[in-house]
């Protein structure tokens, strides 16, 4: 196909070797997950894993509550695009804090 385009996707992530892994504890107060240190300018995706408890999250500027927002169950892992991760606000859903482990990646080889 002469008009075919190859685009790097989340399955072709390259670790952003200049940035340390981050661990964020989410408790009963809503926080912006990327709240203390901005993401590296070369980051295109953030790989995450959640342990400890369920979270509720929003990415539209609204504040999540224990019953409002998208649910991320304990034990979940996946990849968020840069803009999604950068806008993410989170709160724990139940009585147990959730711990997010975050690694920054890019699609540049």
PDB file of N, CA and C in Angstrom:
ATOM      1  N   UNK A   1       0.838  -1.182   0.000  1.00  0.00           N
ATOM      2  CA  UNK A   1       0.000   0.000   0.000  1.00  0.00           C
ATOM      3  C   UNK A   1       0.877   1.237   0.000  1.00  0.00           C
ATOM      4  N   UNK A   2       0.805   1.990  -1.020  1.00  0.00           N
ATOM      5  CA  UNK A   2       1.652   3.171  -1.097  1.00  0.00           C
ATOM      6  C   UNK A   2       1.220   4.273  -0.145  1.00  0.00           C
ATOM      7  N   UNK A   3      -0.055   4.277   0.270  1.00  0.00           N
ATOM      8  CA  UNK A   3      -0.510   5.330   1.168  1.00  0.00           C
ATOM      9  C   UNK A   3      -0.526   4.890   2.626  1.00  0.00           C
ATOM     10  N   UNK A   4      -0.002   3.703   2.925  1.00  0.00           N
ATOM     11  CA  UNK A   4       0.006   3.203   4.303  1.00  0.00           C
ATOM     12  C   UNK A   4       0.963   4.036   5.152  1.00  0.00           C
ATOM     13  N   UNK A   5       0.590   4.192   6.401  1.00  0.00           N
ATOM     14  CA  UNK A   5       1.409   4.947   7.346  1.00  0.00           C
ATOM     15  C   UNK A   5       1.687   4.091   8.566  1.00  0.00           C
ATOM     16  N   UNK A   6       2.892   4.078   9.016  1.00  0.00           N
ATOM     17  CA  UNK A   6       3.232   3.361  10.241  1.00  0.00           C
ATOM     18  C   UNK A   6       3.362   4.384  11.347  1.00  0.00           C
ATOM     19  N   UNK A   7       2.624   4.156  12.410  1.00  0.00           N
ATOM     20  CA  UNK A   7       2.633   5.081  13.541  1.00  0.00           C
ATOM     21  C   UNK A   7       2.974   4.294  14.797  1.00  0.00           C
ATOM     22  N   UNK A   8       3.921   4.804  15.561  1.00  0.00           N
ATOM     23  CA  UNK A   8       4.234   4.164  16.833  1.00  0.00           C
ATOM     24  C   UNK A   8       3.055   4.281  17.769  1.00  0.00           C
ATOM     25  N   UNK A   9       2.704   3.216  18.414  1.00  0.00           N
ATOM     26  CA  UNK A   9       1.612   3.214  19.369  1.00  0.00           C
ATOM     27  C   UNK A   9       2.110   2.788  20.727  1.00  0.00           C
ATOM     28  N   UNK A  10       1.226   2.702  21.703  1.00  0.00           N
ATOM     29  CA  UNK A  10       1.624   2.357  23.065  1.00  0.00           C
ATOM     30  C   UNK A  10       2.377   1.043  23.191  1.00  0.00           C
ATOM     31  N   UNK A  11       2.190   0.125  22.256  1.00  0.00           N
ATOM     32  CA  UNK A  11       2.888  -1.148  22.356  1.00  0.00           C
ATOM     33  C   UNK A  11       4.354  -1.024  21.945  1.00  0.00           C
ATOM     34  N   UNK A  12       4.768   0.140  21.441  1.00  0.00           N
ATOM     35  CA  UNK A  12       6.143   0.357  21.012  1.00  0.00           C
ATOM     36  C   UNK A  12       6.813   1.430  21.857  1.00  0.00           C
ATOM     37  N   UNK A  13       6.483   1.482  23.122  1.00  0.00           N
ATOM     38  CA  UNK A  13       7.026   2.507  23.997  1.00  0.00           C
ATOM     39  C   UNK A  13       8.488   2.257  24.313  1.00  0.00           C
ATOM     40  N   UNK A  14       9.219   3.334  24.429  1.00  0.00           N
ATOM     41  CA  UNK A  14      10.624   3.300  24.796  1.00  0.00           C
ATOM     42  C   UNK A  14      10.758   4.012  26.140  1.00  0.00           C
ATOM     43  N   UNK A  15      11.390   3.385  27.143  1.00  0.00           N
ATOM     44  CA  UNK A  15      11.540   4.070  28.430  1.00  0.00           C
ATOM     45  C   UNK A  15      12.246   5.411  28.259  1.00  0.00           C
ATOM     46  N   UNK A  16      11.748   6.403  28.952  1.00  0.00           N
ATOM     47  CA  UNK A  16      12.378   7.721  28.956  1.00  0.00           C
ATOM     48  C   UNK A  16      13.469   7.647  30.020  1.00  0.00           C
ATOM     49  N   UNK A  17      14.643   7.246  29.624  1.00  0.00           N
ATOM     50  CA  UNK A  17      15.724   6.914  30.544  1.00  0.00           C
ATOM     51  C   UNK A  17      16.226   8.033  31.427  1.00  0.00           C
ATOM     52  N   UNK A  18      15.803   9.266  31.196  1.00  0.00           N
ATOM     53  CA  UNK A  18      16.302  10.378  31.995  1.00  0.00           C
ATOM     54  C   UNK A  18      15.390  10.701  33.171  1.00  0.00           C
ATOM     55  N   UNK A  19      14.259   9.996  33.299  1.00  0.00           N
ATOM     56  CA  UNK A  19      13.266  10.347  34.310  1.00  0.00           C
ATOM     57  C   UNK A  19      13.026   9.159  35.231  1.00  0.00           C
ATOM     58  N   UNK A  20      13.109   9.406  36.534  1.00  0.00           N
ATOM     59  CA  UNK A  20      12.904   8.342  37.513  1.00  0.00           C
ATOM     60  C   UNK A  20      11.430   7.950  37.592  1.00  0.00           C
ATOM     61  N   UNK A  21      11.187   6.702  37.974  1.00  0.00           N
ATOM     62  CA  UNK A  21       9.835   6.224  38.210  1.00  0.00           C
ATOM     63  C   UNK A  21       9.236   7.010  39.374  1.00  0.00           C
ATOM     64  N   UNK A  22       7.934   7.217  39.342  1.00  0.00           N
ATOM     65  CA  UNK A  22       7.229   7.975  40.368  1.00  0.00           C
ATOM     66  C   UNK A  22       6.222   7.091  41.091  1.00  0.00           C
ATOM     67  N   UNK A  23       6.081   7.277  42.379  1.00  0.00           N
ATOM     68  CA  UNK A  23       5.069   6.572  43.161  1.00  0.00           C
ATOM     69  C   UNK A  23       4.202   7.628  43.835  1.00  0.00           C
ATOM     70  N   UNK A  24       2.888   7.554  43.595  1.00  0.00           N
ATOM     71  CA  UNK A  24       1.950   8.541  44.116  1.00  0.00           C
ATOM     72  C   UNK A  24       0.886   7.817  44.933  1.00  0.00           C
ATOM     73  N   UNK A  25       0.738   8.208  46.195  1.00  0.00           N
ATOM     74  CA  UNK A  25      -0.315   7.650  47.039  1.00  0.00           C
ATOM     75  C   UNK A  25      -1.548   8.529  46.938  1.00  0.00           C
ATOM     76  N   UNK A  26      -2.684   7.904  46.636  1.00  0.00           N
ATOM     77  CA  UNK A  26      -3.948   8.620  46.483  1.00  0.00           C
ATOM     78  C   UNK A  26      -4.830   8.261  47.673  1.00  0.00           C
ATOM     79  N   UNK A  27      -5.200   9.272  48.463  1.00  0.00           N
ATOM     80  CA  UNK A  27      -6.018   9.014  49.648  1.00  0.00           C
ATOM     81  C   UNK A  27      -7.389   9.655  49.500  1.00  0.00           C
ATOM     82  N   UNK A  28      -7.952  10.139  50.603  1.00  0.00           N
ATOM     83  CA  UNK A  28      -9.334  10.633  50.595  1.00  0.00           C
ATOM     84  C   UNK A  28      -9.473  12.093  50.192  1.00  0.00           C
ATOM     85  N   UNK A  29      -8.403  12.728  49.709  1.00  0.00           N
ATOM     86  CA  UNK A  29      -8.463  14.088  49.158  1.00  0.00           C
ATOM     87  C   UNK A  29      -8.108  14.019  47.681  1.00  0.00           C
ATOM     88  N   UNK A  30      -8.904  14.657  46.846  1.00  0.00           N
ATOM     89  CA  UNK A  30      -8.648  14.654  45.416  1.00  0.00           C
ATOM     90  C   UNK A  30      -7.310  15.324  45.125  1.00  0.00           C
ATOM     91  N   UNK A  31      -6.502  14.696  44.265  1.00  0.00           N
ATOM     92  CA  UNK A  31      -5.217  15.272  43.871  1.00  0.00           C
ATOM     93  C   UNK A  31      -5.062  15.212  42.357  1.00  0.00           C
ATOM     94  N   UNK A  32      -4.243  16.116  41.833  1.00  0.00           N
ATOM     95  CA  UNK A  32      -3.801  16.012  40.461  1.00  0.00           C
ATOM     96  C   UNK A  32      -2.631  15.038  40.509  1.00  0.00           C
ATOM     97  N   UNK A  33      -2.728  13.928  39.812  1.00  0.00           N
ATOM     98  CA  UNK A  33      -1.725  12.868  39.914  1.00  0.00           C
ATOM     99  C   UNK A  33      -0.332  13.369  39.548  1.00  0.00           C
ATOM    100  N   UNK A  34      -0.232  14.215  38.540  1.00  0.00           N
ATOM    101  CA  UNK A  34       1.070  14.790  38.159  1.00  0.00           C
ATOM    102  C   UNK A  34       1.148  16.158  38.829  1.00  0.00           C
ATOM    103  N   UNK A  35       1.203  16.159  40.149  1.00  0.00           N
ATOM    104  CA  UNK A  35       1.041  17.409  40.893  1.00  0.00           C
ATOM    105  C   UNK A  35       2.332  18.061  41.354  1.00  0.00           C
ATOM    106  N   UNK A  36       3.392  17.321  41.527  1.00  0.00           N
ATOM    107  CA  UNK A  36       4.585  17.932  42.108  1.00  0.00           C
ATOM    108  C   UNK A  36       5.678  18.221  41.083  1.00  0.00           C
ATOM    109  N   UNK A  37       5.833  17.361  40.118  1.00  0.00           N
ATOM    110  CA  UNK A  37       6.861  17.531  39.103  1.00  0.00           C
ATOM    111  C   UNK A  37       6.234  17.310  37.737  1.00  0.00           C
ATOM    112  N   UNK A  38       6.410  18.266  36.853  1.00  0.00           N
ATOM    113  CA  UNK A  38       5.846  18.149  35.506  1.00  0.00           C
ATOM    114  C   UNK A  38       6.438  16.943  34.782  1.00  0.00           C
ATOM    115  N   UNK A  39       5.681  16.420  33.828  1.00  0.00           N
ATOM    116  CA  UNK A  39       6.199  15.348  32.994  1.00  0.00           C
ATOM    117  C   UNK A  39       7.322  15.883  32.109  1.00  0.00           C
ATOM    118  N   UNK A  40       8.275  15.029  31.805  1.00  0.00           N
ATOM    119  CA  UNK A  40       9.379  15.402  30.927  1.00  0.00           C
ATOM    120  C   UNK A  40       8.843  15.798  29.551  1.00  0.00           C
ATOM    121  N   UNK A  41       9.481  16.759  28.910  1.00  0.00           N
ATOM    122  CA  UNK A  41       9.001  17.259  27.615  1.00  0.00           C
ATOM    123  C   UNK A  41       9.043  16.193  26.525  1.00  0.00           C
ATOM    124  N   UNK A  42       9.844  15.151  26.670  1.00  0.00           N
ATOM    125  CA  UNK A  42       9.902  14.070  25.683  1.00  0.00           C
ATOM    126  C   UNK A  42       8.900  12.960  25.947  1.00  0.00           C
ATOM    127  N   UNK A  43       8.173  13.032  27.034  1.00  0.00           N
ATOM    128  CA  UNK A  43       7.217  11.983  27.376  1.00  0.00           C
ATOM    129  C   UNK A  43       6.002  12.044  26.459  1.00  0.00           C
ATOM    130  N   UNK A  44       5.617  10.873  25.928  1.00  0.00           N
ATOM    131  CA  UNK A  44       4.412  10.784  25.107  1.00  0.00           C
ATOM    132  C   UNK A  44       3.343   9.936  25.787  1.00  0.00           C
ATOM    133  N   UNK A  45       3.767   9.019  26.666  1.00  0.00           N
ATOM    134  CA  UNK A  45       2.854   8.116  27.355  1.00  0.00           C
ATOM    135  C   UNK A  45       3.359   7.853  28.772  1.00  0.00           C
ATOM    136  N   UNK A  46       2.425   7.507  29.654  1.00  0.00           N
ATOM    137  CA  UNK A  46       2.771   7.147  31.023  1.00  0.00           C
ATOM    138  C   UNK A  46       2.210   5.752  31.295  1.00  0.00           C
ATOM    139  N   UNK A  47       3.099   4.845  31.657  1.00  0.00           N
ATOM    140  CA  UNK A  47       2.675   3.496  32.020  1.00  0.00           C
ATOM    141  C   UNK A  47       2.378   3.531  33.516  1.00  0.00           C
ATOM    142  N   UNK A  48       1.234   2.962  33.922  1.00  0.00           N
ATOM    143  CA  UNK A  48       0.851   3.000  35.324  1.00  0.00           C
ATOM    144  C   UNK A  48       0.472   1.615  35.821  1.00  0.00           C
ATOM    145  N   UNK A  49       0.603   1.427  37.128  1.00  0.00           N
ATOM    146  CA  UNK A  49       0.036   0.259  37.801  1.00  0.00           C
ATOM    147  C   UNK A  49      -0.533   0.751  39.128  1.00  0.00           C
ATOM    148  N   UNK A  50      -1.671   0.173  39.514  1.00  0.00           N
ATOM    149  CA  UNK A  50      -2.369   0.565  40.736  1.00  0.00           C
ATOM    150  C   UNK A  50      -2.411  -0.604  41.695  1.00  0.00           C
ATOM    151  N   UNK A  51      -2.013  -0.347  42.941  1.00  0.00           N
ATOM    152  CA  UNK A  51      -2.110  -1.354  43.991  1.00  0.00           C
ATOM    153  C   UNK A  51      -2.736  -0.723  45.226  1.00  0.00           C
ATOM    154  N   UNK A  52      -3.333  -1.542  46.053  1.00  0.00           N
ATOM    155  CA  UNK A  52      -3.850  -1.079  47.337  1.00  0.00           C
ATOM    156  C   UNK A  52      -5.348  -0.894  47.390  1.00  0.00           C
ATOM    157  N   UNK A  53      -5.918  -0.091  46.507  1.00  0.00           N
ATOM    158  CA  UNK A  53      -7.357   0.170  46.548  1.00  0.00           C
ATOM    159  C   UNK A  53      -7.846   0.754  45.249  1.00  0.00           C
ATOM    160  N   UNK A  54      -9.157   0.785  45.078  1.00  0.00           N
ATOM    161  CA  UNK A  54      -9.770   1.353  43.877  1.00  0.00           C
ATOM    162  C   UNK A  54      -9.678   2.878  43.888  1.00  0.00           C
ATOM    163  N   UNK A  55      -9.592   3.466  42.689  1.00  0.00           N
ATOM    164  CA  UNK A  55      -9.588   4.918  42.554  1.00  0.00           C
ATOM    165  C   UNK A  55     -10.777   5.367  41.713  1.00  0.00           C
ATOM    166  N   UNK A  56     -11.146   6.623  41.862  1.00  0.00           N
ATOM    167  CA  UNK A  56     -12.053   7.316  40.950  1.00  0.00           C
ATOM    168  C   UNK A  56     -11.241   8.440  40.330  1.00  0.00           C
ATOM    169  N   UNK A  57     -11.350   8.618  38.999  1.00  0.00           N
ATOM    170  CA  UNK A  57     -10.538   9.618  38.311  1.00  0.00           C
ATOM    171  C   UNK A  57     -11.376  10.432  37.330  1.00  0.00           C
ATOM    172  N   UNK A  58     -10.922  11.663  37.091  1.00  0.00           N
ATOM    173  CA  UNK A  58     -11.491  12.515  36.060  1.00  0.00           C
ATOM    174  C   UNK A  58     -10.347  13.127  35.258  1.00  0.00           C
ATOM    175  N   UNK A  59     -10.650  13.531  34.027  1.00  0.00           N
ATOM    176  CA  UNK A  59      -9.654  14.199  33.191  1.00  0.00           C
ATOM    177  C   UNK A  59     -10.220  15.458  32.556  1.00  0.00           C
ATOM    178  N   UNK A  60     -11.427  15.850  32.960  1.00  0.00           N
ATOM    179  CA  UNK A  60     -12.102  16.997  32.340  1.00  0.00           C
ATOM    180  C   UNK A  60     -12.065  18.253  33.192  1.00  0.00           C
ATOM    181  N   UNK A  61     -11.253  18.263  34.236  1.00  0.00           N
ATOM    182  CA  UNK A  61     -11.166  19.422  35.117  1.00  0.00           C
ATOM    183  C   UNK A  61     -12.079  19.330  36.328  1.00  0.00           C
ATOM    184  N   UNK A  62     -13.055  18.411  36.301  1.00  0.00           N
ATOM    185  CA  UNK A  62     -13.942  18.260  37.454  1.00  0.00           C
ATOM    186  C   UNK A  62     -13.214  17.506  38.563  1.00  0.00           C
ATOM    187  N   UNK A  63     -13.738  17.599  39.769  1.00  0.00           N
ATOM    188  CA  UNK A  63     -13.128  16.959  40.928  1.00  0.00           C
ATOM    189  C   UNK A  63     -13.805  15.619  41.191  1.00  0.00           C
ATOM    190  N   UNK A  64     -13.041  14.533  41.197  1.00  0.00           N
ATOM    191  CA  UNK A  64     -13.643  13.238  41.502  1.00  0.00           C
ATOM    192  C   UNK A  64     -14.013  13.135  42.980  1.00  0.00           C
ATOM    193  N   UNK A  65     -14.978  12.284  43.276  1.00  0.00           N
ATOM    194  CA  UNK A  65     -15.331  11.955  44.659  1.00  0.00           C
ATOM    195  C   UNK A  65     -15.289  10.434  44.795  1.00  0.00           C
ATOM    196  N   UNK A  66     -15.550   9.936  45.962  1.00  0.00           N
ATOM    197  CA  UNK A  66     -15.543   8.488  46.188  1.00  0.00           C
ATOM    198  C   UNK A  66     -16.614   7.775  45.362  1.00  0.00           C
ATOM    199  N   UNK A  67     -17.582   8.536  44.835  1.00  0.00           N
ATOM    200  CA  UNK A  67     -18.642   7.921  44.020  1.00  0.00           C
ATOM    201  C   UNK A  67     -18.793   8.556  42.637  1.00  0.00           C
ATOM    202  N   UNK A  68     -17.942   9.523  42.281  1.00  0.00           N
ATOM    203  CA  UNK A  68     -18.026  10.200  40.989  1.00  0.00           C
ATOM    204  C   UNK A  68     -16.688  10.144  40.272  1.00  0.00           C
ATOM    205  N   UNK A  69     -16.707   9.737  39.039  1.00  0.00           N
ATOM    206  CA  UNK A  69     -15.510   9.625  38.212  1.00  0.00           C
ATOM    207  C   UNK A  69     -15.390   8.207  37.686  1.00  0.00           C
ATOM    208  N   UNK A  70     -14.497   8.031  36.747  1.00  0.00           N
ATOM    209  CA  UNK A  70     -14.250   6.694  36.202  1.00  0.00           C
ATOM    210  C   UNK A  70     -13.533   5.860  37.261  1.00  0.00           C
ATOM    211  N   UNK A  71     -13.944   4.609  37.398  1.00  0.00           N
ATOM    212  CA  UNK A  71     -13.315   3.733  38.382  1.00  0.00           C
ATOM    213  C   UNK A  71     -12.097   3.032  37.785  1.00  0.00           C
ATOM    214  N   UNK A  72     -11.018   3.043  38.546  1.00  0.00           N
ATOM    215  CA  UNK A  72      -9.846   2.238  38.212  1.00  0.00           C
ATOM    216  C   UNK A  72      -9.693   1.230  39.349  1.00  0.00           C
ATOM    217  N   UNK A  73      -9.947  -0.049  39.078  1.00  0.00           N
ATOM    218  CA  UNK A  73      -9.871  -1.065  40.130  1.00  0.00           C
ATOM    219  C   UNK A  73      -8.438  -1.392  40.551  1.00  0.00           C
ATOM    220  N   UNK A  74      -8.286  -1.753  41.811  1.00  0.00           N
ATOM    221  CA  UNK A  74      -7.010  -2.219  42.337  1.00  0.00           C
ATOM    222  C   UNK A  74      -6.475  -3.330  41.435  1.00  0.00           C
ATOM    223  N   UNK A  75      -5.191  -3.296  41.161  1.00  0.00           N
ATOM    224  CA  UNK A  75      -4.566  -4.321  40.336  1.00  0.00           C
ATOM    225  C   UNK A  75      -4.510  -3.971  38.858  1.00  0.00           C
ATOM    226  N   UNK A  76      -5.075  -2.829  38.488  1.00  0.00           N
ATOM    227  CA  UNK A  76      -5.093  -2.414  37.094  1.00  0.00           C
ATOM    228  C   UNK A  76      -3.744  -1.844  36.682  1.00  0.00           C
ATOM    229  N   UNK A  77      -3.374  -2.074  35.427  1.00  0.00           N
ATOM    230  CA  UNK A  77      -2.211  -1.393  34.850  1.00  0.00           C
ATOM    231  C   UNK A  77      -2.525  -1.095  33.396  1.00  0.00           C
ATOM    232  N   UNK A  78      -1.821  -0.123  32.853  1.00  0.00           N
ATOM    233  CA  UNK A  78      -2.067   0.261  31.474  1.00  0.00           C
ATOM    234  C   UNK A  78      -1.203   1.440  31.072  1.00  0.00           C
ATOM    235  N   UNK A  79      -1.572   2.037  29.950  1.00  0.00           N
ATOM    236  CA  UNK A  79      -0.814   3.149  29.388  1.00  0.00           C
ATOM    237  C   UNK A  79      -1.759   4.315  29.152  1.00  0.00           C
ATOM    238  N   UNK A  80      -1.362   5.489  29.619  1.00  0.00           N
ATOM    239  CA  UNK A  80      -2.117   6.723  29.395  1.00  0.00           C
ATOM    240  C   UNK A  80      -1.333   7.616  28.447  1.00  0.00           C
ATOM    241  N   UNK A  81      -2.015   8.256  27.489  1.00  0.00           N
ATOM    242  CA  UNK A  81      -1.344   9.275  26.690  1.00  0.00           C
ATOM    243  C   UNK A  81      -0.947  10.462  27.573  1.00  0.00           C
ATOM    244  N   UNK A  82       0.033  11.223  27.132  1.00  0.00           N
ATOM    245  CA  UNK A  82       0.558  12.359  27.891  1.00  0.00           C
ATOM    246  C   UNK A  82      -0.541  13.292  28.389  1.00  0.00           C
ATOM    247  N   UNK A  83      -1.403  13.761  27.496  1.00  0.00           N
ATOM    248  CA  UNK A  83      -2.427  14.747  27.880  1.00  0.00           C
ATOM    249  C   UNK A  83      -3.413  14.169  28.885  1.00  0.00           C
ATOM    250  N   UNK A  84      -3.755  12.902  28.770  1.00  0.00           N
ATOM    251  CA  UNK A  84      -4.640  12.239  29.715  1.00  0.00           C
ATOM    252  C   UNK A  84      -3.995  12.210  31.103  1.00  0.00           C
ATOM    253  N   UNK A  85      -2.752  11.728  31.160  1.00  0.00           N
ATOM    254  CA  UNK A  85      -2.043  11.635  32.442  1.00  0.00           C
ATOM    255  C   UNK A  85      -1.868  13.002  33.077  1.00  0.00           C
ATOM    256  N   UNK A  86      -1.557  13.999  32.266  1.00  0.00           N
ATOM    257  CA  UNK A  86      -1.311  15.342  32.766  1.00  0.00           C
ATOM    258  C   UNK A  86      -2.565  15.966  33.374  1.00  0.00           C
ATOM    259  N   UNK A  87      -3.742  15.601  32.883  1.00  0.00           N
ATOM    260  CA  UNK A  87      -5.011  16.165  33.360  1.00  0.00           C
ATOM    261  C   UNK A  87      -5.660  15.327  34.458  1.00  0.00           C
ATOM    262  N   UNK A  88      -5.113  14.176  34.770  1.00  0.00           N
ATOM    263  CA  UNK A  88      -5.749  13.212  35.672  1.00  0.00           C
ATOM    264  C   UNK A  88      -5.839  13.702  37.114  1.00  0.00           C
ATOM    265  N   UNK A  89      -7.064  13.706  37.647  1.00  0.00           N
ATOM    266  CA  UNK A  89      -7.298  13.946  39.069  1.00  0.00           C
ATOM    267  C   UNK A  89      -7.844  12.650  39.647  1.00  0.00           C
ATOM    268  N   UNK A  90      -7.441  12.315  40.862  1.00  0.00           N
ATOM    269  CA  UNK A  90      -7.817  11.040  41.444  1.00  0.00           C
ATOM    270  C   UNK A  90      -8.143  11.168  42.922  1.00  0.00           C
ATOM    271  N   UNK A  91      -8.959  10.225  43.406  1.00  0.00           N
ATOM    272  CA  UNK A  91      -9.291  10.085  44.814  1.00  0.00           C
ATOM    273  C   UNK A  91      -9.535   8.602  45.074  1.00  0.00           C
ATOM    274  N   UNK A  92      -9.279   8.140  46.282  1.00  0.00           N
ATOM    275  CA  UNK A  92      -9.569   6.735  46.570  1.00  0.00           C
ATOM    276  C   UNK A  92     -11.080   6.538  46.644  1.00  0.00           C
ATOM    277  N   UNK A  93     -11.517   5.349  46.291  1.00  0.00           N
ATOM    278  CA  UNK A  93     -12.950   5.059  46.283  1.00  0.00           C
ATOM    279  C   UNK A  93     -13.443   4.557  47.640  1.00  0.00           C
ATOM    280  N   UNK A  94     -12.660   3.785  48.324  1.00  0.00           N
ATOM    281  CA  UNK A  94     -13.073   3.219  49.611  1.00  0.00           C
ATOM    282  C   UNK A  94     -12.180   3.709  50.735  1.00  0.00           C
ATOM    283  N   UNK A  95     -11.945   2.831  51.692  1.00  0.00           N
ATOM    284  CA  UNK A  95     -11.168   3.201  52.873  1.00  0.00           C
ATOM    285  C   UNK A  95      -9.672   2.961  52.711  1.00  0.00           C
ATOM    286  N   UNK A  96      -9.272   2.335  51.609  1.00  0.00           N
ATOM    287  CA  UNK A  96      -7.864   1.986  51.410  1.00  0.00           C
ATOM    288  C   UNK A  96      -7.231   2.875  50.345  1.00  0.00           C
ATOM    289  N   UNK A  97      -6.083   3.472  50.682  1.00  0.00           N
ATOM    290  CA  UNK A  97      -5.357   4.300  49.720  1.00  0.00           C
ATOM    291  C   UNK A  97      -4.940   3.469  48.513  1.00  0.00           C
ATOM    292  N   UNK A  98      -4.924   4.111  47.354  1.00  0.00           N
ATOM    293  CA  UNK A  98      -4.381   3.492  46.154  1.00  0.00           C
ATOM    294  C   UNK A  98      -2.990   4.033  45.906  1.00  0.00           C
ATOM    295  N   UNK A  99      -2.108   3.191  45.439  1.00  0.00           N
ATOM    296  CA  UNK A  99      -0.746   3.613  45.139  1.00  0.00           C
ATOM    297  C   UNK A  99      -0.511   3.436  43.643  1.00  0.00           C
ATOM    298  N   UNK A 100      -0.270   4.553  42.956  1.00  0.00           N
ATOM    299  CA  UNK A 100       0.019   4.541  41.529  1.00  0.00           C
ATOM    300  C   UNK A 100       1.528   4.578  41.324  1.00  0.00           C
ATOM    301  N   UNK A 101       2.033   3.630  40.557  1.00  0.00           N
ATOM    302  CA  UNK A 101       3.435   3.640  40.153  1.00  0.00           C
ATOM    303  C   UNK A 101       3.444   4.070  38.694  1.00  0.00           C
ATOM    304  N   UNK A 102       4.190   5.119  38.383  1.00  0.00           N
ATOM    305  CA  UNK A 102       4.177   5.741  37.063  1.00  0.00           C
ATOM    306  C   UNK A 102       5.567   5.734  36.434  1.00  0.00           C
ATOM    307  N   UNK A 103       5.640   5.374  35.157  1.00  0.00           N
ATOM    308  CA  UNK A 103       6.885   5.445  34.394  1.00  0.00           C
ATOM    309  C   UNK A 103       6.622   6.216  33.121  1.00  0.00           C
ATOM    310  N   UNK A 104       7.508   7.143  32.813  1.00  0.00           N
ATOM    311  CA  UNK A 104       7.356   7.955  31.614  1.00  0.00           C
ATOM    312  C   UNK A 104       8.057   7.279  30.427  1.00  0.00           C
ATOM    313  N   UNK A 105       7.379   7.312  29.280  1.00  0.00           N
ATOM    314  CA  UNK A 105       7.896   6.683  28.073  1.00  0.00           C
ATOM    315  C   UNK A 105       7.704   7.612  26.895  1.00  0.00           C
ATOM    316  N   UNK A 106       8.379   7.302  25.807  1.00  0.00           N
ATOM    317  CA  UNK A 106       8.136   8.020  24.558  1.00  0.00           C
ATOM    318  C   UNK A 106       8.149   7.037  23.414  1.00  0.00           C
ATOM    319  N   UNK A 107       7.761   7.502  22.246  1.00  0.00           N
ATOM    320  CA  UNK A 107       7.720   6.626  21.076  1.00  0.00           C
ATOM    321  C   UNK A 107       8.849   6.933  20.115  1.00  0.00           C
ATOM    322  N   UNK A 108       9.882   7.615  20.620  1.00  0.00           N
ATOM    323  CA  UNK A 108      11.045   7.928  19.803  1.00  0.00           C
ATOM    324  C   UNK A 108      12.122   6.881  20.048  1.00  0.00           C
ATOM    325  N   UNK A 109      12.644   6.332  19.007  1.00  0.00           N
ATOM    326  CA  UNK A 109      13.697   5.324  19.166  1.00  0.00           C
ATOM    327  C   UNK A 109      15.044   5.990  19.063  1.00  0.00           C
TER     328      UNK A 109
END
